[in-house]
Protein backbone atom coordinates (compact mmCIF):
# COMPACT_ATOMS: atom_id res chain seq x y z
CA MET A 1 -10.78 -44.45 -11.65
CA THR A 2 -10.75 -40.68 -11.92
CA LEU A 3 -11.30 -39.18 -15.36
CA LYS A 4 -9.87 -35.67 -15.65
CA ALA A 5 -10.81 -33.28 -18.41
CA ALA A 6 -10.56 -29.58 -19.19
CA ALA A 7 -12.93 -27.78 -21.52
CA THR A 8 -14.53 -24.51 -22.45
CA LEU A 9 -18.02 -23.77 -21.15
CA ASP A 10 -19.47 -25.25 -24.33
CA GLY A 11 -17.65 -28.51 -23.70
CA LYS A 12 -14.78 -28.22 -26.16
CA THR A 13 -11.35 -29.61 -25.36
CA ALA A 14 -9.43 -28.53 -28.47
CA LEU A 15 -9.83 -26.83 -31.81
CA LEU A 16 -10.23 -28.96 -34.92
CA ASN A 17 -6.54 -28.39 -35.72
CA GLY A 18 -5.67 -29.99 -32.36
CA SER A 19 -4.70 -26.78 -30.56
CA SER A 20 -5.53 -27.05 -26.85
CA LYS A 21 -2.89 -25.00 -24.96
CA TRP A 22 -4.04 -23.59 -22.78
CA ILE A 23 -7.76 -23.92 -22.17
CA THR A 24 -7.53 -23.40 -18.41
CA GLY A 25 -5.42 -21.05 -16.33
CA PRO A 26 -2.26 -21.69 -14.29
CA GLN A 27 -4.07 -22.39 -11.00
CA ALA A 28 -6.17 -25.11 -12.59
CA ARG A 29 -3.11 -26.63 -14.23
CA LEU A 30 -1.33 -26.74 -10.87
CA ASP A 31 -4.39 -28.41 -9.38
CA VAL A 32 -4.08 -31.09 -12.07
CA GLN A 33 -0.50 -31.73 -10.92
CA ARG A 34 -1.81 -32.34 -7.40
CA LEU A 35 -4.41 -34.70 -8.82
CA ARG A 36 -1.74 -36.63 -10.73
CA ALA A 37 0.40 -36.92 -7.61
CA ALA A 38 -2.52 -38.52 -5.75
CA HIS A 39 -2.80 -41.41 -8.23
CA CYS A 40 -0.72 -44.53 -8.84
CA ALA A 41 -0.85 -44.19 -12.61
CA ILE A 42 -1.93 -41.88 -15.43
CA LEU A 43 -3.63 -43.48 -18.44
CA THR A 44 -3.89 -41.98 -21.91
CA GLY A 45 -4.62 -43.22 -25.41
CA SER A 46 -2.52 -43.47 -28.54
CA GLY A 47 -4.41 -40.58 -30.17
CA THR A 48 -3.40 -38.19 -27.40
CA VAL A 49 0.22 -39.31 -27.59
CA LEU A 50 0.31 -38.79 -31.36
CA ALA A 51 -1.45 -35.42 -31.21
CA ASP A 52 0.11 -33.83 -28.11
CA ASP A 53 3.23 -35.86 -27.19
CA PRO A 54 2.54 -35.37 -23.45
CA GLN A 55 4.91 -36.33 -20.63
CA LEU A 56 2.15 -37.06 -18.07
CA THR A 57 4.57 -36.52 -15.19
CA VAL A 58 4.00 -34.59 -11.98
CA ARG A 59 5.68 -31.20 -12.32
CA GLU A 60 6.03 -28.15 -10.06
CA LEU A 61 5.47 -30.29 -6.95
CA PRO A 62 7.97 -32.27 -4.85
CA ILE A 63 7.25 -35.98 -5.24
CA ALA A 64 9.34 -39.01 -4.30
CA VAL A 65 8.08 -41.37 -7.01
CA GLN A 66 6.36 -40.48 -10.26
CA PRO A 67 3.09 -42.24 -11.10
CA TRP A 68 3.20 -44.95 -13.74
CA ARG A 69 2.38 -43.65 -17.22
CA VAL A 70 0.17 -46.05 -19.16
CA VAL A 71 -0.56 -45.76 -22.88
CA LEU A 72 -3.45 -47.71 -24.37
CA ASP A 73 -2.21 -48.34 -27.89
CA GLY A 74 -4.01 -51.39 -29.18
CA GLU A 75 -2.42 -51.42 -32.64
CA LEU A 76 1.03 -50.02 -31.74
CA ARG A 77 0.55 -46.70 -33.50
CA THR A 78 2.88 -44.75 -31.19
CA GLY A 79 6.66 -44.83 -31.25
CA PRO A 80 9.17 -45.41 -28.44
CA ALA A 81 10.61 -41.90 -28.87
CA ALA A 82 7.40 -40.30 -27.54
CA ARG A 83 8.00 -38.32 -24.36
CA VAL A 84 5.55 -40.41 -22.32
CA TYR A 85 7.87 -43.43 -22.67
CA GLN A 86 10.98 -41.69 -21.38
CA ASP A 87 12.49 -41.77 -17.89
CA GLY A 88 11.09 -45.14 -16.81
CA ARG A 89 7.81 -46.20 -15.14
CA ALA A 90 6.00 -46.47 -18.48
CA LEU A 91 3.58 -49.20 -19.52
CA LEU A 92 2.39 -49.92 -23.06
CA ALA A 93 -0.97 -51.70 -23.23
CA ALA A 94 -1.51 -53.29 -26.65
CA CYS A 95 -3.43 -55.98 -28.47
CA ALA A 96 -1.02 -56.28 -31.40
CA MET A 97 2.05 -58.23 -30.32
CA ASP A 98 4.58 -57.29 -33.00
CA ALA A 99 7.88 -58.60 -31.62
CA GLY A 100 10.02 -56.14 -33.58
CA LYS A 101 8.08 -53.07 -32.50
CA LEU A 102 7.83 -54.23 -28.91
CA ALA A 103 11.59 -54.81 -28.75
CA ALA A 104 12.15 -51.12 -29.52
CA PHE A 105 9.92 -50.16 -26.61
CA GLY A 106 11.65 -52.68 -24.36
CA ALA A 107 15.01 -51.11 -25.18
CA ARG A 108 13.64 -47.89 -23.67
CA GLY A 109 12.63 -49.72 -20.49
CA VAL A 110 8.93 -49.71 -21.38
CA GLU A 111 6.96 -52.68 -20.07
CA THR A 112 4.18 -54.23 -22.13
CA LEU A 113 0.70 -55.41 -21.17
CA ALA A 114 -0.89 -57.82 -23.66
CA LEU A 115 -4.59 -57.04 -23.86
CA ALA A 116 -7.50 -59.15 -25.00
CA ARG A 117 -9.91 -57.79 -27.59
CA ARG A 118 -13.62 -57.26 -27.15
CA ASP A 119 -15.81 -56.38 -30.13
CA GLY A 120 -12.67 -55.73 -32.16
CA LYS A 121 -11.20 -53.25 -29.70
CA ALA A 122 -8.97 -53.39 -26.65
CA ASP A 123 -10.78 -54.90 -23.67
CA LEU A 124 -10.85 -52.05 -21.15
CA ALA A 125 -11.91 -54.29 -18.27
CA ASP A 126 -8.91 -56.52 -18.98
CA LEU A 127 -6.67 -53.45 -18.90
CA LEU A 128 -7.97 -52.39 -15.49
CA ALA A 129 -7.67 -55.92 -14.13
CA GLN A 130 -4.02 -56.13 -15.21
CA LEU A 131 -3.24 -52.72 -13.70
CA ALA A 132 -4.91 -53.77 -10.44
CA GLY A 133 -2.77 -56.90 -10.50
CA ARG A 134 0.27 -54.63 -10.44
CA GLY A 135 -1.01 -52.80 -7.39
CA ILE A 136 -2.31 -49.81 -9.35
CA ASN A 137 -5.49 -49.04 -7.43
CA GLU A 138 -5.86 -45.32 -8.12
CA LEU A 139 -5.92 -44.64 -11.85
CA MET A 140 -6.28 -41.24 -13.47
CA VAL A 141 -7.37 -40.95 -17.11
CA GLU A 142 -6.16 -38.01 -19.20
CA ALA A 143 -7.26 -38.84 -22.72
CA GLY A 144 -9.27 -37.72 -25.72
CA ALA A 145 -12.96 -38.00 -26.45
CA GLY A 146 -12.73 -41.57 -27.79
CA LEU A 147 -11.17 -43.20 -24.73
CA ASN A 148 -13.08 -40.92 -22.35
CA GLY A 149 -16.36 -41.95 -23.93
CA ALA A 150 -15.47 -45.64 -24.03
CA MET A 151 -14.53 -45.70 -20.35
CA LEU A 152 -17.66 -43.85 -19.31
CA ARG A 153 -20.03 -45.91 -21.44
CA ALA A 154 -18.43 -49.11 -20.13
CA GLY A 155 -19.26 -48.06 -16.58
CA LEU A 156 -15.62 -48.04 -15.51
CA VAL A 157 -15.36 -44.42 -14.30
CA ASP A 158 -15.80 -43.74 -10.59
CA GLU A 159 -15.32 -39.97 -10.66
CA ILE A 160 -14.91 -37.16 -13.18
CA VAL A 161 -12.90 -34.05 -12.37
CA LEU A 162 -13.86 -31.42 -14.92
CA TYR A 163 -12.21 -28.03 -15.23
CA LEU A 164 -14.30 -25.50 -17.16
CA ALA A 165 -12.75 -22.32 -18.51
CA PRO A 166 -14.92 -19.20 -18.84
CA SER A 167 -14.69 -19.20 -22.63
CA LEU A 168 -16.45 -20.55 -25.72
CA ALA A 169 -14.89 -22.39 -28.67
CA GLY A 170 -17.95 -22.87 -30.89
CA ASP A 171 -19.40 -25.89 -32.59
CA ALA A 172 -16.41 -26.58 -34.86
CA ALA A 173 -14.16 -27.90 -32.08
CA ARG A 174 -13.51 -31.21 -30.33
CA GLY A 175 -15.74 -32.41 -27.52
CA LEU A 176 -15.23 -34.20 -24.23
CA PHE A 177 -16.82 -37.60 -24.88
CA ALA A 178 -17.43 -39.58 -28.05
CA TRP A 179 -20.03 -42.30 -28.53
CA PRO A 180 -22.72 -43.19 -31.07
CA ALA A 181 -25.50 -40.66 -31.55
CA LEU A 182 -28.38 -41.08 -29.11
CA THR A 183 -31.97 -41.31 -30.32
CA ASP A 184 -33.58 -41.05 -26.89
CA LEU A 185 -32.60 -38.71 -24.05
CA ALA A 186 -33.33 -41.54 -21.65
CA ASP A 187 -30.04 -43.06 -22.84
CA LYS A 188 -27.93 -40.10 -21.74
CA VAL A 189 -25.28 -40.60 -19.07
CA ALA A 190 -26.57 -39.03 -15.86
CA LEU A 191 -24.08 -37.51 -13.41
CA ASP A 192 -24.28 -36.30 -9.83
CA ILE A 193 -22.41 -33.14 -8.85
CA VAL A 194 -20.35 -34.01 -5.77
CA ASP A 195 -18.48 -30.71 -5.47
CA ALA A 196 -18.17 -27.43 -7.33
CA GLY A 197 -15.86 -24.46 -6.84
CA LYS A 198 -13.46 -22.09 -8.50
CA VAL A 199 -9.76 -22.70 -9.08
CA GLY A 200 -8.35 -19.39 -10.18
CA ALA A 201 -10.57 -18.13 -12.98
CA ASP A 202 -11.85 -21.62 -13.82
CA LEU A 203 -14.69 -23.75 -12.49
CA LYS A 204 -13.86 -27.18 -11.03
CA LEU A 205 -16.60 -29.80 -10.92
CA VAL A 206 -16.31 -33.19 -9.24
CA LEU A 207 -18.91 -35.55 -10.73
CA ARG A 208 -19.92 -39.17 -10.30
CA PRO A 209 -21.88 -41.28 -12.75
CA ARG A 210 -25.30 -41.81 -11.25
CA GLY A 211 -25.55 -45.23 -9.65
CA ALA A 212 -21.77 -45.74 -9.56
């Protein structure tokens, strides 16, 4: 699993009003398209779909087959008209199995994955196991702080590709990863820097969770 994120130098991915276009420059955004093309599927969460209505397709590059687009939407908060569900090769991963709502997604050609719950939330390990069962062995995550944090804290992330723009957004903006407040720095998530370089005006870091 590769987790991709873009942020300002102070680790902010969007303003509090949700505005996030564009944090990074055109060269970094093209590099993200190459990263998408190298994966079997792109995973996002319901919050990102509701806030940004992304397509999550590979653009600006010739590609024979688009990656699968997977939305983790445990409680079926998104609607079938969202752009991510158009044009086929879309999977909806949910815990709530509302037949009426799911039928509307099915009419769009969206396939459904029924997920187990763990501690009241979607079981992320179950999601990855089901995707692997479909032959999806290279998964890219493009999501918000909640899903990013949950994946990282669960030990499911193999690599992080982080694009940092040479700018600052201040404290009143959204961050990269969300989890409960730490009381001891020993509990922080340690990362190893595998590679670092510039893409256009932006910094690209390839990181791995220590011990992964």
